[in-house]
């Protein structure tokens, strides 16, 4: 009997704990970026992106997110700017059609504040970034708001020609996330 109980405990310990899966509500969510362009804020969104989210604040060790963003879906509301951003000097969306962000870990910062660390693959380069965010729950719905600051130069974007300097396009870019998701299942 003791052997059977010990085997059951070992078997349960070997089963990995899973975080809850979440489905993005794209109608209520926004993923984009902001950058200083000719002294003014240029704000843009991505119209096509998806995220596979497994998250439970009580089990951050099992949490994992992978987001895929179609770079040719960028929209700033100005076709002139968008052509440059998607073009060879910018994202080079034909050569690098998608960016991905995959988490490597989460930390609770107290209350509803968290931090996600992960690999951002953009423009053929991968860098570790940190995304601070807040998360609130209402029943089976979660709302996450976060902002990560990166340098476009670190990803080889706009490193030559007129964009190489801090003007007209700043090196610092804020990636913004405003995401609403519902618990799956």
C-alpha atoms as a PDB file:
ATOM      1  CA  UNK A   1       0.000   0.000   0.000  1.00  0.00           C
ATOM      2  CA  UNK A   2       2.842   2.427   0.849  1.00  0.00           C
ATOM      3  CA  UNK A   3       4.503   1.574  -2.475  1.00  0.00           C
ATOM      4  CA  UNK A   4       1.300   2.331  -4.376  1.00  0.00           C
ATOM      5  CA  UNK A   5       0.848   5.668  -2.560  1.00  0.00           C
ATOM      6  CA  UNK A   6       4.486   6.603  -3.208  1.00  0.00           C
ATOM      7  CA  UNK A   7       4.124   5.706  -6.910  1.00  0.00           C
ATOM      8  CA  UNK A   8       0.983   7.867  -7.180  1.00  0.00           C
ATOM      9  CA  UNK A   9       2.767  10.844  -5.559  1.00  0.00           C
ATOM     10  CA  UNK A  10       5.775  10.438  -7.893  1.00  0.00           C
ATOM     11  CA  UNK A  11       3.489  10.160 -10.916  1.00  0.00           C
ATOM     12  CA  UNK A  12       1.608  13.344  -9.973  1.00  0.00           C
ATOM     13  CA  UNK A  13       4.873  15.170  -9.337  1.00  0.00           C
ATOM     14  CA  UNK A  14       6.105  14.196 -12.809  1.00  0.00           C
ATOM     15  CA  UNK A  15       3.047  15.690 -14.528  1.00  0.00           C
ATOM     16  CA  UNK A  16       3.906  19.288 -15.432  1.00  0.00           C
ATOM     17  CA  UNK A  17       1.608  21.982 -14.127  1.00  0.00           C
ATOM     18  CA  UNK A  18      -0.121  23.913 -16.884  1.00  0.00           C
ATOM     19  CA  UNK A  19      -1.197  27.511 -17.023  1.00  0.00           C
ATOM     20  CA  UNK A  20      -4.618  28.464 -18.329  1.00  0.00           C
ATOM     21  CA  UNK A  21      -4.911  29.073 -22.081  1.00  0.00           C
ATOM     22  CA  UNK A  22      -6.325  32.383 -23.322  1.00  0.00           C
ATOM     23  CA  UNK A  23      -7.842  33.473 -26.645  1.00  0.00           C
ATOM     24  CA  UNK A  24      -7.151  37.014 -27.870  1.00  0.00           C
ATOM     25  CA  UNK A  25     -10.189  39.192 -28.547  1.00  0.00           C
ATOM     26  CA  UNK A  26      -8.802  41.087 -31.561  1.00  0.00           C
ATOM     27  CA  UNK A  27     -11.765  43.484 -31.650  1.00  0.00           C
ATOM     28  CA  UNK A  28     -10.759  44.758 -28.192  1.00  0.00           C
ATOM     29  CA  UNK A  29      -6.970  44.468 -28.564  1.00  0.00           C
ATOM     30  CA  UNK A  30      -4.243  46.612 -30.058  1.00  0.00           C
ATOM     31  CA  UNK A  31      -0.566  45.957 -30.778  1.00  0.00           C
ATOM     32  CA  UNK A  32       1.570  48.759 -32.102  1.00  0.00           C
ATOM     33  CA  UNK A  33       4.496  51.075 -31.661  1.00  0.00           C
ATOM     34  CA  UNK A  34       5.384  54.718 -31.215  1.00  0.00           C
ATOM     35  CA  UNK A  35       8.512  56.525 -32.403  1.00  0.00           C
ATOM     36  CA  UNK A  36       9.549  60.161 -32.713  1.00  0.00           C
ATOM     37  CA  UNK A  37       9.543  61.070 -36.410  1.00  0.00           C
ATOM     38  CA  UNK A  38      10.584  64.595 -37.418  1.00  0.00           C
ATOM     39  CA  UNK A  39       9.975  65.764 -33.852  1.00  0.00           C
ATOM     40  CA  UNK A  40       6.460  64.344 -33.582  1.00  0.00           C
ATOM     41  CA  UNK A  41       5.113  61.065 -32.258  1.00  0.00           C
ATOM     42  CA  UNK A  42       4.307  58.580 -34.999  1.00  0.00           C
ATOM     43  CA  UNK A  43       1.898  55.931 -33.716  1.00  0.00           C
ATOM     44  CA  UNK A  44       1.186  52.794 -35.697  1.00  0.00           C
ATOM     45  CA  UNK A  45      -0.666  49.529 -35.187  1.00  0.00           C
ATOM     46  CA  UNK A  46      -0.381  46.056 -36.642  1.00  0.00           C
ATOM     47  CA  UNK A  47      -3.629  44.831 -38.170  1.00  0.00           C
ATOM     48  CA  UNK A  48      -2.563  41.173 -38.393  1.00  0.00           C
ATOM     49  CA  UNK A  49      -1.061  39.398 -35.406  1.00  0.00           C
ATOM     50  CA  UNK A  50      -1.831  36.537 -33.099  1.00  0.00           C
ATOM     51  CA  UNK A  51      -0.702  35.241 -29.735  1.00  0.00           C
ATOM     52  CA  UNK A  52      -0.737  31.823 -28.086  1.00  0.00           C
ATOM     53  CA  UNK A  53      -1.118  32.589 -24.390  1.00  0.00           C
ATOM     54  CA  UNK A  54      -0.793  30.230 -21.435  1.00  0.00           C
ATOM     55  CA  UNK A  55      -0.858  32.258 -18.217  1.00  0.00           C
ATOM     56  CA  UNK A  56      -1.846  31.773 -14.604  1.00  0.00           C
ATOM     57  CA  UNK A  57      -0.654  34.369 -12.067  1.00  0.00           C
ATOM     58  CA  UNK A  58      -0.510  31.592  -9.451  1.00  0.00           C
ATOM     59  CA  UNK A  59       1.809  29.499 -11.663  1.00  0.00           C
ATOM     60  CA  UNK A  60       4.199  31.838 -13.491  1.00  0.00           C
ATOM     61  CA  UNK A  61       6.701  29.019 -13.998  1.00  0.00           C
ATOM     62  CA  UNK A  62       4.277  27.357 -16.426  1.00  0.00           C
ATOM     63  CA  UNK A  63       3.319  30.600 -18.208  1.00  0.00           C
ATOM     64  CA  UNK A  64       4.312  30.995 -21.850  1.00  0.00           C
ATOM     65  CA  UNK A  65       3.401  33.358 -24.677  1.00  0.00           C
ATOM     66  CA  UNK A  66       4.318  33.313 -28.350  1.00  0.00           C
ATOM     67  CA  UNK A  67       3.184  36.236 -30.488  1.00  0.00           C
ATOM     68  CA  UNK A  68       3.546  36.489 -34.269  1.00  0.00           C
ATOM     69  CA  UNK A  69       3.161  39.844 -36.000  1.00  0.00           C
ATOM     70  CA  UNK A  70       2.739  40.364 -39.771  1.00  0.00           C
ATOM     71  CA  UNK A  71       4.983  43.354 -40.487  1.00  0.00           C
ATOM     72  CA  UNK A  72       3.246  44.211 -43.749  1.00  0.00           C
ATOM     73  CA  UNK A  73       0.077  44.870 -41.711  1.00  0.00           C
ATOM     74  CA  UNK A  74       1.618  47.989 -40.104  1.00  0.00           C
ATOM     75  CA  UNK A  75      -0.656  51.028 -40.359  1.00  0.00           C
ATOM     76  CA  UNK A  76       0.120  54.557 -39.198  1.00  0.00           C
ATOM     77  CA  UNK A  77      -2.685  56.189 -41.162  1.00  0.00           C
ATOM     78  CA  UNK A  78      -0.196  57.711 -43.608  1.00  0.00           C
ATOM     79  CA  UNK A  79       0.595  55.675 -46.711  1.00  0.00           C
ATOM     80  CA  UNK A  80       3.810  57.673 -47.293  1.00  0.00           C
ATOM     81  CA  UNK A  81       5.111  56.794 -43.832  1.00  0.00           C
ATOM     82  CA  UNK A  82       3.851  53.214 -44.078  1.00  0.00           C
ATOM     83  CA  UNK A  83       5.655  52.621 -47.382  1.00  0.00           C
ATOM     84  CA  UNK A  84       8.920  53.726 -45.759  1.00  0.00           C
ATOM     85  CA  UNK A  85       8.352  51.751 -42.555  1.00  0.00           C
ATOM     86  CA  UNK A  86       7.534  48.527 -44.445  1.00  0.00           C
ATOM     87  CA  UNK A  87      10.200  49.135 -47.113  1.00  0.00           C
ATOM     88  CA  UNK A  88      13.906  48.275 -47.362  1.00  0.00           C
ATOM     89  CA  UNK A  89      15.043  51.037 -44.958  1.00  0.00           C
ATOM     90  CA  UNK A  90      12.437  50.018 -42.379  1.00  0.00           C
ATOM     91  CA  UNK A  91      11.059  46.550 -41.608  1.00  0.00           C
ATOM     92  CA  UNK A  92      11.995  45.166 -45.064  1.00  0.00           C
ATOM     93  CA  UNK A  93       8.668  43.314 -44.811  1.00  0.00           C
ATOM     94  CA  UNK A  94       9.146  41.418 -48.075  1.00  0.00           C
ATOM     95  CA  UNK A  95      12.387  39.879 -46.804  1.00  0.00           C
ATOM     96  CA  UNK A  96      11.277  39.621 -43.152  1.00  0.00           C
ATOM     97  CA  UNK A  97       7.474  39.203 -43.252  1.00  0.00           C
ATOM     98  CA  UNK A  98       6.941  38.489 -39.553  1.00  0.00           C
ATOM     99  CA  UNK A  99       8.289  39.337 -36.131  1.00  0.00           C
ATOM    100  CA  UNK A 100       7.929  36.965 -33.187  1.00  0.00           C
ATOM    101  CA  UNK A 101       8.092  37.413 -29.436  1.00  0.00           C
ATOM    102  CA  UNK A 102       8.450  34.310 -27.277  1.00  0.00           C
ATOM    103  CA  UNK A 103       8.634  34.561 -23.520  1.00  0.00           C
ATOM    104  CA  UNK A 104      11.384  32.949 -21.514  1.00  0.00           C
ATOM    105  CA  UNK A 105       9.995  33.901 -18.112  1.00  0.00           C
ATOM    106  CA  UNK A 106       7.611  36.003 -16.031  1.00  0.00           C
ATOM    107  CA  UNK A 107       8.014  37.858 -12.732  1.00  0.00           C
ATOM    108  CA  UNK A 108       5.379  39.253 -10.425  1.00  0.00           C
ATOM    109  CA  UNK A 109       6.161  42.851  -9.466  1.00  0.00           C
ATOM    110  CA  UNK A 110       3.388  43.003  -6.856  1.00  0.00           C
ATOM    111  CA  UNK A 111      -0.312  43.693  -7.171  1.00  0.00           C
ATOM    112  CA  UNK A 112      -1.372  43.457 -10.811  1.00  0.00           C
ATOM    113  CA  UNK A 113       2.102  44.352 -12.166  1.00  0.00           C
ATOM    114  CA  UNK A 114       4.217  41.779 -14.006  1.00  0.00           C
ATOM    115  CA  UNK A 115       7.245  41.580 -16.217  1.00  0.00           C
ATOM    116  CA  UNK A 116       7.696  39.270 -19.191  1.00  0.00           C
ATOM    117  CA  UNK A 117      11.165  38.541 -20.517  1.00  0.00           C
ATOM    118  CA  UNK A 118      11.547  37.008 -23.920  1.00  0.00           C
ATOM    119  CA  UNK A 119      13.174  36.809 -27.317  1.00  0.00           C
ATOM    120  CA  UNK A 120      12.061  39.340 -29.917  1.00  0.00           C
ATOM    121  CA  UNK A 121      12.952  38.232 -33.431  1.00  0.00           C
ATOM    122  CA  UNK A 122      12.678  41.180 -35.790  1.00  0.00           C
ATOM    123  CA  UNK A 123      14.380  41.935 -39.106  1.00  0.00           C
ATOM    124  CA  UNK A 124      16.401  38.700 -38.892  1.00  0.00           C
ATOM    125  CA  UNK A 125      17.861  39.524 -35.464  1.00  0.00           C
ATOM    126  CA  UNK A 126      16.936  38.171 -32.052  1.00  0.00           C
ATOM    127  CA  UNK A 127      17.344  40.165 -28.836  1.00  0.00           C
ATOM    128  CA  UNK A 128      16.163  39.616 -25.270  1.00  0.00           C
ATOM    129  CA  UNK A 129      13.679  42.275 -24.211  1.00  0.00           C
ATOM    130  CA  UNK A 130      11.602  42.955 -21.115  1.00  0.00           C
ATOM    131  CA  UNK A 131       7.914  43.869 -21.282  1.00  0.00           C
ATOM    132  CA  UNK A 132       6.498  45.371 -18.070  1.00  0.00           C
ATOM    133  CA  UNK A 133       2.707  45.073 -17.956  1.00  0.00           C
ATOM    134  CA  UNK A 134      -0.362  45.275 -15.781  1.00  0.00           C
ATOM    135  CA  UNK A 135      -3.014  42.591 -15.793  1.00  0.00           C
ATOM    136  CA  UNK A 136      -6.569  42.706 -14.497  1.00  0.00           C
ATOM    137  CA  UNK A 137      -9.187  39.974 -14.431  1.00  0.00           C
ATOM    138  CA  UNK A 138     -12.971  40.145 -14.627  1.00  0.00           C
ATOM    139  CA  UNK A 139     -14.399  36.629 -14.558  1.00  0.00           C
ATOM    140  CA  UNK A 140     -12.998  34.738 -17.566  1.00  0.00           C
ATOM    141  CA  UNK A 141     -11.670  37.918 -19.205  1.00  0.00           C
ATOM    142  CA  UNK A 142      -8.179  39.340 -18.781  1.00  0.00           C
ATOM    143  CA  UNK A 143      -6.953  42.787 -19.798  1.00  0.00           C
ATOM    144  CA  UNK A 144      -3.232  43.402 -20.220  1.00  0.00           C
ATOM    145  CA  UNK A 145      -1.531  46.738 -20.915  1.00  0.00           C
ATOM    146  CA  UNK A 146       2.229  46.957 -21.419  1.00  0.00           C
ATOM    147  CA  UNK A 147       5.054  48.817 -23.068  1.00  0.00           C
ATOM    148  CA  UNK A 148       8.573  47.701 -23.979  1.00  0.00           C
ATOM    149  CA  UNK A 149      11.243  50.142 -25.114  1.00  0.00           C
ATOM    150  CA  UNK A 150      13.738  48.956 -27.723  1.00  0.00           C
ATOM    151  CA  UNK A 151      16.268  50.458 -30.096  1.00  0.00           C
ATOM    152  CA  UNK A 152      15.502  49.962 -33.784  1.00  0.00           C
ATOM    153  CA  UNK A 153      19.265  50.077 -34.413  1.00  0.00           C
ATOM    154  CA  UNK A 154      19.694  46.910 -32.277  1.00  0.00           C
ATOM    155  CA  UNK A 155      17.541  45.128 -34.875  1.00  0.00           C
ATOM    156  CA  UNK A 156      19.325  46.587 -37.904  1.00  0.00           C
ATOM    157  CA  UNK A 157      16.363  48.784 -38.877  1.00  0.00           C
ATOM    158  CA  UNK A 158      17.254  52.057 -40.584  1.00  0.00           C
ATOM    159  CA  UNK A 159      20.986  51.789 -39.987  1.00  0.00           C
ATOM    160  CA  UNK A 160      21.992  53.465 -43.256  1.00  0.00           C
ATOM    161  CA  UNK A 161      20.931  56.446 -45.301  1.00  0.00           C
ATOM    162  CA  UNK A 162      18.784  59.228 -43.897  1.00  0.00           C
ATOM    163  CA  UNK A 163      17.444  57.078 -41.013  1.00  0.00           C
ATOM    164  CA  UNK A 164      20.895  56.169 -39.617  1.00  0.00           C
ATOM    165  CA  UNK A 165      20.974  59.116 -37.192  1.00  0.00           C
ATOM    166  CA  UNK A 166      18.518  60.046 -34.457  1.00  0.00           C
ATOM    167  CA  UNK A 167      16.700  62.294 -36.933  1.00  0.00           C
ATOM    168  CA  UNK A 168      14.357  62.210 -38.688  1.00  0.00           C
ATOM    169  CA  UNK A 169      13.478  58.891 -36.984  1.00  0.00           C
ATOM    170  CA  UNK A 170      14.514  58.350 -33.354  1.00  0.00           C
ATOM    171  CA  UNK A 171      16.357  55.160 -32.448  1.00  0.00           C
ATOM    172  CA  UNK A 172      14.115  54.526 -29.419  1.00  0.00           C
ATOM    173  CA  UNK A 173      10.827  52.784 -30.180  1.00  0.00           C
ATOM    174  CA  UNK A 174       8.048  51.969 -27.698  1.00  0.00           C
ATOM    175  CA  UNK A 175       6.190  48.740 -28.410  1.00  0.00           C
ATOM    176  CA  UNK A 176       2.678  49.012 -26.979  1.00  0.00           C
ATOM    177  CA  UNK A 177       0.258  46.225 -26.119  1.00  0.00           C
ATOM    178  CA  UNK A 178      -3.365  46.625 -25.051  1.00  0.00           C
ATOM    179  CA  UNK A 179      -4.775  43.116 -25.073  1.00  0.00           C
ATOM    180  CA  UNK A 180      -8.071  41.594 -23.997  1.00  0.00           C
ATOM    181  CA  UNK A 181      -8.376  37.812 -23.855  1.00  0.00           C
ATOM    182  CA  UNK A 182     -10.883  35.215 -22.704  1.00  0.00           C
ATOM    183  CA  UNK A 183     -10.031  32.029 -20.887  1.00  0.00           C
ATOM    184  CA  UNK A 184     -10.242  29.058 -23.251  1.00  0.00           C
ATOM    185  CA  UNK A 185     -12.276  26.011 -22.385  1.00  0.00           C
END
